[in-house]
Amino acid sequence: LALSIARRSGASLHLLHVLPEPSSIYTEPPLFVEHDTLGQRYRQRLREQGQKYLDDVIRRLETLSGVVAVPVVRDGEVADVIRDQVVHGGVDLVVMTTHGRGPLGRMWLGGVADELVRTLPAQVLLVRPMEEEPDLSREPALHRLVLPLDGSAPAERIIEPAVELGRLMGARYTLVRVVSPTDRNDAGLELLRREAEHYLEGVAEEMRARGLDVQTCVLLQEQPAEGILDEARRGGGDLIALETHGRRGLPRLFLGSVADKLVRGGSVPILVHCRNQ
């Protein structure tokens, strides 16, 4: 997916490989390092292996496209390295899988991905890893982007990043708002549904005026994440794009419980845009 975006936008790819911290090298079997010299040699071997891996990937890319790919092998804490690379490397989109091997593979399960999403000055595109070897010659299809909105102006900040990506892919858009039926009678629920429809149609009309193909959908669902995922599956959504808050200690509609459930439960990529970006 990253290659497809780079092809269409004319962007370059920075392929980042982060070496594990010394603490993990010393404790993970079967290696036990007693001397710094041995540790340095082992880390040098890891660096060489990482460089070879990236060089092999780049050779595969060169045979398929004219995309410029830059290999980067670095030491340090994963989140710190990625953040530094984004800030100093002029990166405006980070693409990574939600699970996999090594430190990057465990990112979403801990607090690292949450921290990156809140603090990176770039959008983050989270992708499910493939079981089989990816076919780099295949162009991933993003026909429809699903945008959950909560009726607030801050949540609408996801629209521009989503439109930018959608234009590259020739995609259509579905705007979704979730209305919880909890503790409301039929009349009150119908009023909320109509208000949600009116709101979404207003946003959709502004997007249609720009030549975009936009649909709207109001969901009556107690669990927002489940409703969003169901709509993505039912409506043929290829990607979910959502806005997050970038500060701690505040109510966070998407970042945390809902975003976590979308990433864990969804099978499509998730584009995350932070309000601080």
C-alpha atoms as a PDB file:
ATOM      1  CA  LEU A   1       0.000   0.000   0.000  1.00  0.00           C
ATOM      2  CA  ALA A   2       2.851   2.381   0.823  1.00  0.00           C
ATOM      3  CA  LEU A   3       4.399   1.657  -2.567  1.00  0.00           C
ATOM      4  CA  SER A   4       1.110   2.315  -4.334  1.00  0.00           C
ATOM      5  CA  ILE A   5       0.714   5.666  -2.578  1.00  0.00           C
ATOM      6  CA  ALA A   6       4.302   6.619  -3.407  1.00  0.00           C
ATOM      7  CA  ARG A   7       3.818   5.652  -7.054  1.00  0.00           C
ATOM      8  CA  ARG A   8       0.702   7.757  -7.419  1.00  0.00           C
ATOM      9  CA  SER A   9       1.922  10.778  -5.471  1.00  0.00           C
ATOM     10  CA  GLY A  10       5.536  10.866  -6.613  1.00  0.00           C
ATOM     11  CA  ALA A  11       6.749  10.480  -3.028  1.00  0.00           C
ATOM     12  CA  SER A  12       9.879   8.685  -1.879  1.00  0.00           C
ATOM     13  CA  LEU A  13       9.875   5.769   0.562  1.00  0.00           C
ATOM     14  CA  HIS A  14      11.997   5.682   3.701  1.00  0.00           C
ATOM     15  CA  LEU A  15      12.317   2.018   4.693  1.00  0.00           C
ATOM     16  CA  LEU A  16      13.090   2.060   8.423  1.00  0.00           C
ATOM     17  CA  HIS A  17      14.553  -0.889  10.319  1.00  0.00           C
ATOM     18  CA  VAL A  18      15.071  -0.395  14.071  1.00  0.00           C
ATOM     19  CA  LEU A  19      17.646  -2.573  15.820  1.00  0.00           C
ATOM     20  CA  PRO A  20      16.538  -4.036  19.170  1.00  0.00           C
ATOM     21  CA  GLU A  21      17.758  -2.406  22.344  1.00  0.00           C
ATOM     22  CA  PRO A  22      20.840  -3.968  24.014  1.00  0.00           C
ATOM     23  CA  SER A  23      18.734  -5.125  26.971  1.00  0.00           C
ATOM     24  CA  SER A  24      16.668  -7.380  24.709  1.00  0.00           C
ATOM     25  CA  ILE A  25      19.764  -8.635  22.925  1.00  0.00           C
ATOM     26  CA  TYR A  26      21.361  -9.663  26.203  1.00  0.00           C
ATOM     27  CA  THR A  27      18.327 -11.460  27.572  1.00  0.00           C
ATOM     28  CA  GLU A  28      16.783 -13.209  24.582  1.00  0.00           C
ATOM     29  CA  PRO A  29      17.980 -16.810  24.164  1.00  0.00           C
ATOM     30  CA  PRO A  30      20.082 -18.419  22.862  1.00  0.00           C
ATOM     31  CA  LEU A  31      22.562 -15.533  23.109  1.00  0.00           C
ATOM     32  CA  PHE A  32      24.234 -14.583  26.379  1.00  0.00           C
ATOM     33  CA  VAL A  33      26.736 -11.753  26.135  1.00  0.00           C
ATOM     34  CA  GLU A  34      29.337 -11.393  28.881  1.00  0.00           C
ATOM     35  CA  HIS A  35      31.664  -8.896  27.240  1.00  0.00           C
ATOM     36  CA  ASP A  36      30.991  -5.573  25.587  1.00  0.00           C
ATOM     37  CA  THR A  37      33.155  -6.580  22.623  1.00  0.00           C
ATOM     38  CA  LEU A  38      30.920  -9.536  21.893  1.00  0.00           C
ATOM     39  CA  GLY A  39      27.875  -7.330  22.254  1.00  0.00           C
ATOM     40  CA  GLN A  40      29.287  -4.796  19.815  1.00  0.00           C
ATOM     41  CA  ARG A  41      30.097  -7.517  17.317  1.00  0.00           C
ATOM     42  CA  TYR A  42      26.629  -8.941  17.602  1.00  0.00           C
ATOM     43  CA  ARG A  43      25.009  -5.553  17.139  1.00  0.00           C
ATOM     44  CA  GLN A  44      27.189  -4.955  14.100  1.00  0.00           C
ATOM     45  CA  ARG A  45      25.999  -8.265  12.701  1.00  0.00           C
ATOM     46  CA  LEU A  46      22.399  -7.235  13.353  1.00  0.00           C
ATOM     47  CA  ARG A  47      23.029  -3.941  11.602  1.00  0.00           C
ATOM     48  CA  GLU A  48      24.522  -5.699   8.587  1.00  0.00           C
ATOM     49  CA  GLN A  49      21.602  -8.117   8.452  1.00  0.00           C
ATOM     50  CA  GLY A  50      19.136  -5.239   8.674  1.00  0.00           C
ATOM     51  CA  GLN A  51      20.924  -3.348   5.912  1.00  0.00           C
ATOM     52  CA  LYS A  52      20.990  -6.448   3.706  1.00  0.00           C
ATOM     53  CA  TYR A  53      17.281  -6.986   4.282  1.00  0.00           C
ATOM     54  CA  LEU A  54      16.437  -3.427   3.251  1.00  0.00           C
ATOM     55  CA  ASP A  55      18.783  -3.588   0.262  1.00  0.00           C
ATOM     56  CA  ASP A  56      17.014  -6.752  -0.905  1.00  0.00           C
ATOM     57  CA  VAL A  57      13.632  -5.025  -0.586  1.00  0.00           C
ATOM     58  CA  ILE A  58      14.878  -2.026  -2.545  1.00  0.00           C
ATOM     59  CA  ARG A  59      16.190  -4.249  -5.338  1.00  0.00           C
ATOM     60  CA  ARG A  60      12.730  -5.789  -5.627  1.00  0.00           C
ATOM     61  CA  LEU A  61      11.176  -2.320  -5.743  1.00  0.00           C
ATOM     62  CA  GLU A  62      13.573  -1.092  -8.417  1.00  0.00           C
ATOM     63  CA  THR A  63      12.438  -3.825 -10.803  1.00  0.00           C
ATOM     64  CA  LEU A  64       8.790  -2.835 -10.391  1.00  0.00           C
ATOM     65  CA  SER A  65       8.646   0.943 -10.224  1.00  0.00           C
ATOM     66  CA  GLY A  66      10.536   4.183 -10.396  1.00  0.00           C
ATOM     67  CA  VAL A  67       9.836   4.982  -6.744  1.00  0.00           C
ATOM     68  CA  VAL A  68      12.861   6.273  -4.849  1.00  0.00           C
ATOM     69  CA  ALA A  69      13.435   4.111  -1.755  1.00  0.00           C
ATOM     70  CA  VAL A  70      15.880   5.082   1.000  1.00  0.00           C
ATOM     71  CA  PRO A  71      17.105   2.390   3.450  1.00  0.00           C
ATOM     72  CA  VAL A  72      17.471   3.521   7.066  1.00  0.00           C
ATOM     73  CA  VAL A  73      18.886   1.283   9.829  1.00  0.00           C
ATOM     74  CA  ARG A  74      18.955   2.828  13.296  1.00  0.00           C
ATOM     75  CA  ASP A  75      19.401   1.982  16.969  1.00  0.00           C
ATOM     76  CA  GLY A  76      17.162   3.057  19.826  1.00  0.00           C
ATOM     77  CA  GLU A  77      13.694   2.870  21.262  1.00  0.00           C
ATOM     78  CA  VAL A  78      11.231   2.177  18.467  1.00  0.00           C
ATOM     79  CA  ALA A  79       8.906   5.115  19.136  1.00  0.00           C
ATOM     80  CA  ASP A  80      11.772   7.579  19.604  1.00  0.00           C
ATOM     81  CA  VAL A  81      13.482   6.452  16.410  1.00  0.00           C
ATOM     82  CA  ILE A  82      10.303   6.699  14.340  1.00  0.00           C
ATOM     83  CA  ARG A  83       9.489  10.133  15.748  1.00  0.00           C
ATOM     84  CA  ASP A  84      12.996  11.416  15.068  1.00  0.00           C
ATOM     85  CA  GLN A  85      12.914  10.024  11.535  1.00  0.00           C
ATOM     86  CA  VAL A  86       9.592  11.738  10.875  1.00  0.00           C
ATOM     87  CA  VAL A  87      10.736  15.090  12.245  1.00  0.00           C
ATOM     88  CA  HIS A  88      14.151  15.192  10.592  1.00  0.00           C
ATOM     89  CA  GLY A  89      13.377  13.174   7.485  1.00  0.00           C
ATOM     90  CA  GLY A  90      10.533  15.311   6.178  1.00  0.00           C
ATOM     91  CA  VAL A  91       8.076  12.429   6.510  1.00  0.00           C
ATOM     92  CA  ASP A  92       4.347  13.209   6.157  1.00  0.00           C
ATOM     93  CA  LEU A  93       2.896   9.671   6.255  1.00  0.00           C
ATOM     94  CA  VAL A  94       3.961   6.682   8.360  1.00  0.00           C
ATOM     95  CA  VAL A  95       2.791   3.276   7.122  1.00  0.00           C
ATOM     96  CA  MET A  96       3.219   0.296   9.435  1.00  0.00           C
ATOM     97  CA  THR A  97       1.618  -3.041  10.183  1.00  0.00           C
ATOM     98  CA  THR A  98      -0.319  -3.534  13.404  1.00  0.00           C
ATOM     99  CA  HIS A  99       1.304  -6.871  14.180  1.00  0.00           C
ATOM    100  CA  GLY A 100       4.441  -8.710  13.155  1.00  0.00           C
ATOM    101  CA  ARG A 101       7.821  -9.746  14.430  1.00  0.00           C
ATOM    102  CA  GLY A 102      10.052  -7.971  16.896  1.00  0.00           C
ATOM    103  CA  PRO A 103       9.479  -4.620  18.664  1.00  0.00           C
ATOM    104  CA  LEU A 104       7.407  -3.165  15.812  1.00  0.00           C
ATOM    105  CA  GLY A 105       5.130  -6.185  15.879  1.00  0.00           C
ATOM    106  CA  ARG A 106       4.084  -5.508  19.458  1.00  0.00           C
ATOM    107  CA  MET A 107       3.566  -1.775  19.062  1.00  0.00           C
ATOM    108  CA  TRP A 108      -0.202  -1.560  19.063  1.00  0.00           C
ATOM    109  CA  LEU A 109      -0.566  -4.024  21.935  1.00  0.00           C
ATOM    110  CA  GLY A 110       1.339  -1.649  24.199  1.00  0.00           C
ATOM    111  CA  GLY A 111       1.467   2.102  24.507  1.00  0.00           C
ATOM    112  CA  VAL A 112       3.936   2.817  21.715  1.00  0.00           C
ATOM    113  CA  ALA A 113       1.443   3.127  18.879  1.00  0.00           C
ATOM    114  CA  ASP A 114      -0.868   5.225  21.045  1.00  0.00           C
ATOM    115  CA  GLU A 115       2.050   7.536  21.786  1.00  0.00           C
ATOM    116  CA  LEU A 116       3.034   7.766  18.126  1.00  0.00           C
ATOM    117  CA  VAL A 117      -0.489   8.508  16.959  1.00  0.00           C
ATOM    118  CA  ARG A 118      -0.788  11.348  19.481  1.00  0.00           C
ATOM    119  CA  THR A 119       2.612  12.917  19.009  1.00  0.00           C
ATOM    120  CA  LEU A 120       3.853  12.298  15.469  1.00  0.00           C
ATOM    121  CA  PRO A 121       3.708  15.342  13.169  1.00  0.00           C
ATOM    122  CA  ALA A 122       2.495  13.007  10.427  1.00  0.00           C
ATOM    123  CA  GLN A 123      -0.474  10.823   9.599  1.00  0.00           C
ATOM    124  CA  VAL A 124      -0.266   7.139  10.510  1.00  0.00           C
ATOM    125  CA  LEU A 125      -1.612   4.405   8.242  1.00  0.00           C
ATOM    126  CA  LEU A 126      -2.027   1.111  10.115  1.00  0.00           C
ATOM    127  CA  VAL A 127      -2.168  -1.986   7.918  1.00  0.00           C
ATOM    128  CA  ARG A 128      -2.923  -5.605   8.728  1.00  0.00           C
ATOM    129  CA  PRO A 129       0.075  -7.815   7.863  1.00  0.00           C
ATOM    130  CA  MET A 130      -0.362 -10.383   5.127  1.00  0.00           C
ATOM    131  CA  GLU A 131       0.181 -14.057   5.843  1.00  0.00           C
ATOM    132  CA  GLU A 132       1.783 -14.639   2.464  1.00  0.00           C
ATOM    133  CA  GLU A 133       4.641 -12.802   0.772  1.00  0.00           C
ATOM    134  CA  PRO A 134       3.224  -9.517  -0.583  1.00  0.00           C
ATOM    135  CA  ASP A 135       3.046  -9.058  -4.334  1.00  0.00           C
ATOM    136  CA  LEU A 136       4.715  -5.690  -4.822  1.00  0.00           C
ATOM    137  CA  SER A 137       3.559  -5.505  -8.429  1.00  0.00           C
ATOM    138  CA  ARG A 138      -0.100  -5.503  -7.390  1.00  0.00           C
ATOM    139  CA  GLU A 139      -1.853  -2.161  -6.879  1.00  0.00           C
ATOM    140  CA  PRO A 140      -4.024  -2.349  -3.741  1.00  0.00           C
ATOM    141  CA  ALA A 141      -7.573  -1.229  -4.432  1.00  0.00           C
ATOM    142  CA  LEU A 142      -9.022   1.520  -2.259  1.00  0.00           C
ATOM    143  CA  HIS A 143     -12.432   2.009  -3.822  1.00  0.00           C
ATOM    144  CA  ARG A 144     -14.276   3.334  -0.767  1.00  0.00           C
ATOM    145  CA  LEU A 145     -13.061   5.206   2.321  1.00  0.00           C
ATOM    146  CA  VAL A 146     -15.174   5.168   5.486  1.00  0.00           C
ATOM    147  CA  LEU A 147     -15.020   8.342   7.619  1.00  0.00           C
ATOM    148  CA  PRO A 148     -16.562   8.178  11.117  1.00  0.00           C
ATOM    149  CA  LEU A 149     -17.685  11.635  12.300  1.00  0.00           C
ATOM    150  CA  ASP A 150     -19.132  12.626  15.670  1.00  0.00           C
ATOM    151  CA  GLY A 151     -20.686  15.950  14.693  1.00  0.00           C
ATOM    152  CA  SER A 152     -17.837  18.108  15.953  1.00  0.00           C
ATOM    153  CA  ALA A 153     -15.581  20.398  13.950  1.00  0.00           C
ATOM    154  CA  PRO A 154     -12.376  18.768  15.275  1.00  0.00           C
ATOM    155  CA  ALA A 155     -13.539  15.344  14.058  1.00  0.00           C
ATOM    156  CA  GLU A 156     -13.985  16.799  10.568  1.00  0.00           C
ATOM    157  CA  ARG A 157     -10.249  17.406  10.324  1.00  0.00           C
ATOM    158  CA  ILE A 158      -9.914  13.860   9.031  1.00  0.00           C
ATOM    159  CA  ILE A 159     -11.737  14.884   5.851  1.00  0.00           C
ATOM    160  CA  GLU A 160      -8.820  16.627   4.132  1.00  0.00           C
ATOM    161  CA  PRO A 161      -6.266  13.833   4.726  1.00  0.00           C
ATOM    162  CA  ALA A 162      -8.861  11.285   3.600  1.00  0.00           C
ATOM    163  CA  VAL A 163      -9.731  13.293   0.489  1.00  0.00           C
ATOM    164  CA  GLU A 164      -6.058  13.674  -0.374  1.00  0.00           C
ATOM    165  CA  LEU A 165      -5.565   9.906  -0.179  1.00  0.00           C
ATOM    166  CA  GLY A 166      -8.872   9.193  -1.897  1.00  0.00           C
ATOM    167  CA  ARG A 167      -8.041  11.404  -4.874  1.00  0.00           C
ATOM    168  CA  LEU A 168      -4.819   9.446  -5.420  1.00  0.00           C
ATOM    169  CA  MET A 169      -6.771   6.195  -5.442  1.00  0.00           C
ATOM    170  CA  GLY A 170      -9.905   7.391  -7.253  1.00  0.00           C
ATOM    171  CA  ALA A 171     -11.961   6.395  -4.223  1.00  0.00           C
ATOM    172  CA  ARG A 172     -15.487   7.173  -3.072  1.00  0.00           C
ATOM    173  CA  TYR A 173     -16.404   8.161   0.473  1.00  0.00           C
ATOM    174  CA  THR A 174     -18.911   7.074   3.103  1.00  0.00           C
ATOM    175  CA  LEU A 175     -19.528   9.426   6.032  1.00  0.00           C
ATOM    176  CA  VAL A 176     -20.691   7.568   9.140  1.00  0.00           C
ATOM    177  CA  ARG A 177     -22.185   8.845  12.370  1.00  0.00           C
ATOM    178  CA  VAL A 178     -23.063   6.516  15.241  1.00  0.00           C
ATOM    179  CA  VAL A 179     -26.123   7.284  17.383  1.00  0.00           C
ATOM    180  CA  SER A 180     -26.435   5.335  20.615  1.00  0.00           C
ATOM    181  CA  PRO A 181     -29.998   4.172  21.389  1.00  0.00           C
ATOM    182  CA  THR A 182     -29.273   3.839  25.123  1.00  0.00           C
ATOM    183  CA  ASP A 183     -31.894   5.361  27.461  1.00  0.00           C
ATOM    184  CA  ARG A 184     -33.907   7.027  24.701  1.00  0.00           C
ATOM    185  CA  ASN A 185     -37.508   6.511  23.665  1.00  0.00           C
ATOM    186  CA  ASP A 186     -38.541   6.087  20.035  1.00  0.00           C
ATOM    187  CA  ALA A 187     -39.357   9.767  19.534  1.00  0.00           C
ATOM    188  CA  GLY A 188     -36.065  10.937  21.004  1.00  0.00           C
ATOM    189  CA  LEU A 189     -34.095   8.402  19.004  1.00  0.00           C
ATOM    190  CA  GLU A 190     -35.804   9.402  15.766  1.00  0.00           C
ATOM    191  CA  LEU A 191     -34.960  13.051  16.443  1.00  0.00           C
ATOM    192  CA  LEU A 192     -31.304  12.186  16.991  1.00  0.00           C
ATOM    193  CA  ARG A 193     -31.258  10.098  13.823  1.00  0.00           C
ATOM    194  CA  ARG A 194     -32.702  12.959  11.752  1.00  0.00           C
ATOM    195  CA  GLU A 195     -30.243  15.432  13.244  1.00  0.00           C
ATOM    196  CA  ALA A 196     -27.378  13.065  12.418  1.00  0.00           C
ATOM    197  CA  GLU A 197     -28.636  12.629   8.847  1.00  0.00           C
ATOM    198  CA  HIS A 198     -28.961  16.393   8.413  1.00  0.00           C
ATOM    199  CA  TYR A 199     -25.442  16.924   9.725  1.00  0.00           C
ATOM    200  CA  LEU A 200     -23.879  14.257   7.493  1.00  0.00           C
ATOM    201  CA  GLU A 201     -25.718  15.500   4.412  1.00  0.00           C
ATOM    202  CA  GLY A 202     -24.418  19.001   5.054  1.00  0.00           C
ATOM    203  CA  VAL A 203     -20.836  17.746   5.173  1.00  0.00           C
ATOM    204  CA  ALA A 204     -21.431  15.492   2.169  1.00  0.00           C
ATOM    205  CA  GLU A 205     -22.799  18.352   0.055  1.00  0.00           C
ATOM    206  CA  GLU A 206     -19.665  20.385   0.681  1.00  0.00           C
ATOM    207  CA  MET A 207     -17.561  17.431  -0.468  1.00  0.00           C
ATOM    208  CA  ARG A 208     -19.783  16.767  -3.500  1.00  0.00           C
ATOM    209  CA  ALA A 209     -19.324  20.381  -4.544  1.00  0.00           C
ATOM    210  CA  ARG A 210     -15.652  19.482  -4.966  1.00  0.00           C
ATOM    211  CA  GLY A 211     -16.522  16.688  -7.380  1.00  0.00           C
ATOM    212  CA  LEU A 212     -16.329  13.862  -4.836  1.00  0.00           C
ATOM    213  CA  ASP A 213     -18.599  10.806  -4.717  1.00  0.00           C
ATOM    214  CA  VAL A 214     -19.996  10.773  -1.171  1.00  0.00           C
ATOM    215  CA  GLN A 215     -22.584   8.672   0.645  1.00  0.00           C
ATOM    216  CA  THR A 216     -23.836   9.000   4.214  1.00  0.00           C
ATOM    217  CA  CYS A 217     -24.875   6.465   6.820  1.00  0.00           C
ATOM    218  CA  VAL A 218     -26.386   6.895  10.302  1.00  0.00           C
ATOM    219  CA  LEU A 219     -25.947   3.870  12.565  1.00  0.00           C
ATOM    220  CA  LEU A 220     -28.077   3.093  15.619  1.00  0.00           C
ATOM    221  CA  GLN A 221     -25.487   1.205  17.617  1.00  0.00           C
ATOM    222  CA  GLU A 222     -24.449   1.121  21.265  1.00  0.00           C
ATOM    223  CA  GLN A 223     -20.907   0.094  20.346  1.00  0.00           C
ATOM    224  CA  PRO A 224     -19.447   2.636  17.874  1.00  0.00           C
ATOM    225  CA  ALA A 225     -16.526   0.452  16.784  1.00  0.00           C
ATOM    226  CA  GLU A 226     -18.743  -2.521  15.986  1.00  0.00           C
ATOM    227  CA  GLY A 227     -21.091  -0.328  13.977  1.00  0.00           C
ATOM    228  CA  ILE A 228     -18.255   1.257  12.012  1.00  0.00           C
ATOM    229  CA  LEU A 229     -16.684  -2.117  11.231  1.00  0.00           C
ATOM    230  CA  ASP A 230     -20.048  -3.565  10.191  1.00  0.00           C
ATOM    231  CA  GLU A 231     -20.658  -0.646   7.843  1.00  0.00           C
ATOM    232  CA  ALA A 232     -17.180  -0.998   6.341  1.00  0.00           C
ATOM    233  CA  ARG A 233     -17.809  -4.683   5.651  1.00  0.00           C
ATOM    234  CA  ARG A 234     -21.360  -4.182   4.420  1.00  0.00           C
ATOM    235  CA  GLY A 235     -20.584  -1.185   2.241  1.00  0.00           C
ATOM    236  CA  GLY A 236     -17.333  -2.452   0.766  1.00  0.00           C
ATOM    237  CA  GLY A 237     -15.109  -0.068   2.704  1.00  0.00           C
ATOM    238  CA  ASP A 238     -11.421  -0.548   1.900  1.00  0.00           C
ATOM    239  CA  LEU A 239     -10.085   1.865   4.514  1.00  0.00           C
ATOM    240  CA  ILE A 240     -11.326   3.602   7.667  1.00  0.00           C
ATOM    241  CA  ALA A 241     -10.071   7.146   8.298  1.00  0.00           C
ATOM    242  CA  LEU A 242     -10.540   8.734  11.705  1.00  0.00           C
ATOM    243  CA  GLU A 243      -9.497  11.718  13.759  1.00  0.00           C
ATOM    244  CA  THR A 244      -7.995  11.500  17.236  1.00  0.00           C
ATOM    245  CA  HIS A 245      -7.274  13.812  20.112  1.00  0.00           C
ATOM    246  CA  GLY A 246      -3.640  14.486  20.851  1.00  0.00           C
ATOM    247  CA  ARG A 247      -3.740  15.173  24.579  1.00  0.00           C
ATOM    248  CA  ARG A 248      -3.804  12.983  27.632  1.00  0.00           C
ATOM    249  CA  GLY A 249      -6.448  13.118  30.303  1.00  0.00           C
ATOM    250  CA  LEU A 250      -9.326  14.245  28.097  1.00  0.00           C
ATOM    251  CA  PRO A 251     -12.318  12.251  26.865  1.00  0.00           C
ATOM    252  CA  ARG A 252     -11.117  10.585  23.677  1.00  0.00           C
ATOM    253  CA  LEU A 253     -13.863   9.357  21.367  1.00  0.00           C
ATOM    254  CA  PHE A 254     -11.668   7.424  18.965  1.00  0.00           C
ATOM    255  CA  LEU A 255      -8.185   7.236  20.440  1.00  0.00           C
ATOM    256  CA  GLY A 256      -8.209   4.412  22.954  1.00  0.00           C
ATOM    257  CA  SER A 257     -11.226   2.154  23.140  1.00  0.00           C
ATOM    258  CA  VAL A 258     -12.821   2.779  19.744  1.00  0.00           C
ATOM    259  CA  ALA A 259      -9.603   3.099  17.729  1.00  0.00           C
ATOM    260  CA  ASP A 260      -8.167   0.086  19.512  1.00  0.00           C
ATOM    261  CA  LYS A 261     -11.246  -1.983  18.653  1.00  0.00           C
ATOM    262  CA  LEU A 262     -11.144  -0.812  15.054  1.00  0.00           C
ATOM    263  CA  VAL A 263      -7.517  -1.860  14.709  1.00  0.00           C
ATOM    264  CA  ARG A 264      -7.956  -5.174  16.497  1.00  0.00           C
ATOM    265  CA  GLY A 265     -11.275  -6.080  14.916  1.00  0.00           C
ATOM    266  CA  GLY A 266     -10.939  -4.666  11.438  1.00  0.00           C
ATOM    267  CA  SER A 267      -9.447  -6.244   8.359  1.00  0.00           C
ATOM    268  CA  VAL A 268      -8.948  -2.993   6.435  1.00  0.00           C
ATOM    269  CA  PRO A 269      -6.235  -0.329   6.818  1.00  0.00           C
ATOM    270  CA  ILE A 270      -6.833   2.479   9.330  1.00  0.00           C
ATOM    271  CA  LEU A 271      -5.706   6.031   8.558  1.00  0.00           C
ATOM    272  CA  VAL A 272      -5.244   7.949  11.813  1.00  0.00           C
ATOM    273  CA  HIS A 273      -4.918  11.722  11.897  1.00  0.00           C
ATOM    274  CA  CYS A 274      -4.131  13.532  15.138  1.00  0.00           C
ATOM    275  CA  ARG A 275      -5.506  16.982  15.906  1.00  0.00           C
ATOM    276  CA  ASN A 276      -2.020  18.174  16.862  1.00  0.00           C
ATOM    277  CA  GLN A 277      -0.680  17.490  13.361  1.00  0.00           C
END
